[in-house]
Structure formats: C-alpha cells, structure tokens
N, C-alpha and C. Protein backbone atom coordinates (compact mmCIF):
# COMPACT_ATOMS: atom_id res chain seq x y z
N MET A 1 79.68 56.77 100.85
CA MET A 1 80.07 55.57 99.97
C MET A 1 79.63 54.34 100.55
N ARG A 2 79.30 53.41 99.77
CA ARG A 2 78.93 52.10 100.18
C ARG A 2 79.57 51.00 99.38
N ILE A 3 79.88 49.93 100.16
CA ILE A 3 80.45 48.75 99.49
C ILE A 3 79.26 47.85 99.10
N MET A 4 79.15 47.43 97.86
CA MET A 4 78.03 46.61 97.41
C MET A 4 78.60 45.52 96.41
N ARG A 5 77.86 44.54 96.15
CA ARG A 5 78.16 43.51 95.19
C ARG A 5 77.17 43.56 94.06
N VAL A 6 77.73 43.47 92.79
CA VAL A 6 76.94 43.38 91.57
C VAL A 6 76.31 42.04 91.36
N GLU A 7 75.01 41.93 91.29
CA GLU A 7 74.32 40.62 91.10
C GLU A 7 74.03 40.42 89.63
N LYS A 8 73.54 41.34 88.89
CA LYS A 8 73.23 41.13 87.51
C LYS A 8 72.90 42.41 86.81
N THR A 9 72.88 42.33 85.54
CA THR A 9 72.44 43.39 84.59
C THR A 9 71.05 43.56 84.65
N LEU A 10 70.61 44.79 84.67
CA LEU A 10 69.12 45.17 84.50
C LEU A 10 68.90 45.67 83.10
N VAL A 11 68.04 44.99 82.32
CA VAL A 11 67.79 45.44 81.01
C VAL A 11 66.54 46.32 81.09
N SER A 12 66.65 47.53 80.53
CA SER A 12 65.50 48.51 80.50
C SER A 12 65.61 49.22 79.14
N THR A 13 64.81 48.80 78.19
CA THR A 13 64.85 49.36 76.85
C THR A 13 64.05 50.65 76.82
N ASN A 14 63.05 50.86 77.59
CA ASN A 14 62.16 52.01 77.56
C ASN A 14 62.63 52.83 78.79
N ARG A 15 63.33 53.95 78.54
CA ARG A 15 63.74 54.75 79.70
C ARG A 15 63.84 56.25 79.42
N GLN A 16 63.97 57.08 80.34
CA GLN A 16 64.07 58.52 80.06
C GLN A 16 65.28 58.74 79.27
N ALA A 17 65.19 59.66 78.30
CA ALA A 17 66.33 60.05 77.39
C ALA A 17 67.53 60.49 78.18
N GLU A 18 67.37 61.15 79.40
CA GLU A 18 68.45 61.63 80.17
C GLU A 18 69.31 60.44 80.67
N LEU A 19 68.79 59.18 80.82
CA LEU A 19 69.58 58.11 81.29
C LEU A 19 70.61 57.65 80.22
N GLY A 20 70.33 58.04 78.96
CA GLY A 20 71.28 57.66 77.83
C GLY A 20 71.31 56.12 77.80
N HIS A 21 72.58 55.69 77.49
CA HIS A 21 72.78 54.18 77.24
C HIS A 21 73.68 53.67 78.38
N ARG A 22 73.78 54.27 79.45
CA ARG A 22 74.58 53.77 80.59
C ARG A 22 74.01 52.43 81.09
N PRO A 23 74.84 51.47 81.39
CA PRO A 23 74.28 50.13 81.90
C PRO A 23 73.71 50.36 83.32
N LEU A 24 72.65 49.60 83.64
CA LEU A 24 72.07 49.51 84.95
C LEU A 24 72.33 48.18 85.53
N LEU A 25 72.77 48.13 86.78
CA LEU A 25 73.05 46.90 87.46
C LEU A 25 72.26 46.83 88.68
N VAL A 26 71.94 45.57 89.07
CA VAL A 26 71.38 45.22 90.37
C VAL A 26 72.46 45.05 91.35
N VAL A 27 72.36 45.74 92.54
CA VAL A 27 73.40 45.52 93.55
C VAL A 27 72.78 45.30 94.94
N ARG A 28 73.56 44.75 95.84
CA ARG A 28 73.13 44.54 97.19
C ARG A 28 74.36 44.76 98.14
N ASP A 29 74.11 45.20 99.30
CA ASP A 29 75.19 45.41 100.21
C ASP A 29 75.45 44.09 101.00
N LYS A 30 74.49 43.30 101.15
CA LYS A 30 74.60 41.93 101.79
C LYS A 30 73.50 40.99 101.29
N PRO A 31 73.77 39.65 101.44
CA PRO A 31 72.78 38.72 100.99
C PRO A 31 71.57 38.88 101.77
N GLY A 32 70.36 38.84 101.06
CA GLY A 32 69.07 39.01 101.73
C GLY A 32 68.63 40.53 101.73
N ALA A 33 69.56 41.41 101.50
CA ALA A 33 69.15 42.83 101.55
C ALA A 33 68.33 43.18 100.30
N VAL A 34 67.66 44.38 100.46
CA VAL A 34 66.81 44.81 99.32
C VAL A 34 67.71 45.09 98.13
N PRO A 35 67.41 44.62 97.00
CA PRO A 35 68.18 44.83 95.81
C PRO A 35 67.90 46.28 95.35
N LEU A 36 69.03 46.97 94.92
CA LEU A 36 69.06 48.39 94.41
C LEU A 36 69.52 48.45 93.03
N VAL A 37 69.13 49.45 92.32
CA VAL A 37 69.61 49.66 90.94
C VAL A 37 70.70 50.70 90.99
N ALA A 38 71.77 50.44 90.26
CA ALA A 38 72.85 51.36 90.27
C ALA A 38 73.30 51.67 88.79
N VAL A 39 73.69 52.89 88.43
CA VAL A 39 74.24 53.20 87.19
C VAL A 39 75.68 52.83 87.19
N ASP A 40 76.11 52.08 86.18
CA ASP A 40 77.48 51.61 86.03
C ASP A 40 78.28 52.62 85.22
N ALA A 41 79.12 53.42 85.98
CA ALA A 41 79.89 54.50 85.27
C ALA A 41 81.34 53.98 84.97
N ILE A 42 81.66 52.72 85.25
CA ILE A 42 82.97 52.26 85.01
C ILE A 42 83.14 50.91 84.41
N GLY A 43 82.22 50.12 84.22
CA GLY A 43 82.35 48.86 83.47
C GLY A 43 82.45 47.64 84.40
N CYS A 44 81.43 47.30 85.14
CA CYS A 44 81.42 46.12 86.08
C CYS A 44 80.80 44.93 85.51
N ILE A 45 81.06 43.83 86.10
CA ILE A 45 80.40 42.55 85.83
C ILE A 45 79.80 41.89 87.04
N PRO A 46 78.80 40.96 86.90
CA PRO A 46 78.23 40.43 88.05
C PRO A 46 79.29 39.65 88.87
N GLY A 47 79.22 39.84 90.17
CA GLY A 47 80.21 39.27 91.13
C GLY A 47 81.19 40.29 91.58
N ASP A 48 81.35 41.38 90.89
CA ASP A 48 82.32 42.38 91.37
C ASP A 48 81.78 43.06 92.63
N TRP A 49 82.67 43.26 93.48
CA TRP A 49 82.51 44.14 94.70
C TRP A 49 82.87 45.61 94.31
N VAL A 50 81.94 46.51 94.51
CA VAL A 50 82.02 47.90 93.99
C VAL A 50 81.85 48.93 95.10
N ILE A 51 82.31 50.15 94.81
CA ILE A 51 82.07 51.34 95.72
C ILE A 51 80.95 52.08 95.00
N CYS A 52 79.91 52.46 95.75
CA CYS A 52 78.79 53.18 95.27
C CYS A 52 78.67 54.53 95.99
N VAL A 53 78.17 55.47 95.23
CA VAL A 53 77.89 56.77 95.84
C VAL A 53 76.43 57.10 95.58
N SER A 54 75.71 57.83 96.46
CA SER A 54 74.38 58.16 96.33
C SER A 54 74.15 59.61 96.33
N SER A 55 72.86 60.04 96.18
CA SER A 55 72.43 61.33 96.22
C SER A 55 73.14 62.24 95.08
N SER A 56 73.51 63.43 95.48
CA SER A 56 74.08 64.37 94.44
C SER A 56 75.42 63.84 93.93
N ALA A 57 76.11 63.12 94.78
CA ALA A 57 77.40 62.59 94.31
C ALA A 57 77.19 61.45 93.18
N ALA A 58 76.06 60.83 93.36
CA ALA A 58 75.70 59.77 92.27
C ALA A 58 75.39 60.39 90.96
N ARG A 59 74.69 61.58 90.92
CA ARG A 59 74.35 62.27 89.77
C ARG A 59 75.66 62.81 89.11
N GLU A 60 76.54 63.41 89.85
CA GLU A 60 77.74 63.92 89.35
C GLU A 60 78.69 62.89 88.79
N ALA A 61 78.70 61.75 89.49
CA ALA A 61 79.59 60.67 89.02
C ALA A 61 78.98 60.05 87.77
N ALA A 62 77.71 60.14 87.55
CA ALA A 62 77.15 59.54 86.38
C ALA A 62 77.28 60.55 85.16
N GLY A 63 77.69 61.73 85.45
CA GLY A 63 77.98 62.68 84.32
C GLY A 63 77.45 64.00 84.44
N SER A 64 76.50 64.29 85.28
CA SER A 64 75.86 65.63 85.30
C SER A 64 74.93 65.70 86.59
N LYS A 65 74.86 67.00 87.10
CA LYS A 65 74.08 67.22 88.22
C LYS A 65 72.63 67.02 87.90
N SER A 66 72.23 67.07 86.69
CA SER A 66 70.89 66.82 86.29
C SER A 66 70.58 65.32 85.89
N TYR A 67 71.56 64.42 85.95
CA TYR A 67 71.43 63.08 85.63
C TYR A 67 70.47 62.37 86.56
N PRO A 68 69.46 61.53 86.12
CA PRO A 68 68.44 61.02 87.02
C PRO A 68 68.88 59.66 87.78
N SER A 69 69.95 59.80 88.58
CA SER A 69 70.51 58.64 89.28
C SER A 69 70.61 58.96 90.82
N ASP A 70 70.14 57.96 91.62
CA ASP A 70 70.40 58.01 93.04
C ASP A 70 71.45 57.08 93.63
N LEU A 71 72.02 56.28 92.69
CA LEU A 71 73.11 55.35 93.04
C LEU A 71 73.94 55.06 91.89
N THR A 72 75.30 55.35 91.97
CA THR A 72 76.18 55.19 90.84
C THR A 72 77.45 54.41 91.40
N ILE A 73 77.87 53.45 90.55
CA ILE A 73 79.12 52.66 90.82
C ILE A 73 80.33 53.61 90.36
N VAL A 74 81.30 53.84 91.26
CA VAL A 74 82.47 54.57 91.01
C VAL A 74 83.66 53.94 91.13
N GLY A 75 83.73 52.69 91.62
CA GLY A 75 84.96 51.91 91.66
C GLY A 75 84.72 50.51 91.80
N ILE A 76 85.69 49.60 91.31
CA ILE A 76 85.65 48.21 91.53
C ILE A 76 86.71 47.87 92.46
N ILE A 77 86.39 47.15 93.52
CA ILE A 77 87.32 46.83 94.59
C ILE A 77 88.04 45.51 94.16
N ASP A 78 89.37 45.64 94.21
CA ASP A 78 90.30 44.48 93.79
C ASP A 78 90.22 43.34 94.69
N ASN A 79 90.11 43.58 96.03
CA ASN A 79 90.19 42.47 97.01
C ASN A 79 89.25 42.84 98.22
N TRP A 80 88.23 42.09 98.53
CA TRP A 80 87.34 42.39 99.62
C TRP A 80 86.79 41.10 100.22
N ASN A 81 86.93 40.97 101.57
CA ASN A 81 86.42 39.78 102.30
C ASN A 81 85.21 40.41 103.16
N PRO A 82 84.00 40.12 102.81
CA PRO A 82 82.78 40.76 103.55
C PRO A 82 82.77 40.08 104.91
N GLU A 83 83.46 39.04 105.24
CA GLU A 83 83.44 38.48 106.60
C GLU A 83 84.31 39.22 107.55
N GLY A 84 85.19 39.97 107.04
CA GLY A 84 86.04 40.82 107.93
C GLY A 84 87.39 40.48 107.73
C-alpha cells in the first residue's frame, strides 16, 4: 500500500469497455514525483490524501481480478502530515 495525494481528475472518454465508468485520478506520492493514474473505487476529490494498492490487489479492489488496473484508491486518509 502507498500513501498518495490526488492532484486532479483525468478525463478519458475513449477507453476499454472493461474500465467501465470508474473515475480515473492523477496521484503522486510526493511533489515532483512522476504522476500516476489510479482508479477511484471510493469517491475522492483533488487534494485528498489516499491509500492506494497496486498489482493484483488493485484489480480486485476495482471490482474483479480481470479489471485492467495497476493502481486503485481504497481509502481516504482523514489526517496526514507528509512532513512527519
């Protein structure tokens, strides 16, 4: 699991049917890091600190072992200070 921050919504109107209509969000684990795309399984908004899972856990969290996701948001963190 990884702690990441939601930056913005990613709009993708043309996508594989298996993705369905789940929202896609741009997330980063720290400022300046490479942005990643995560499937939003719970309803996040930009600015939220979230818990993400990857690999097969991401597919199952998104709804199915065959779901085409490598990163899925599974929780919103209520209080997080990235500085420690």
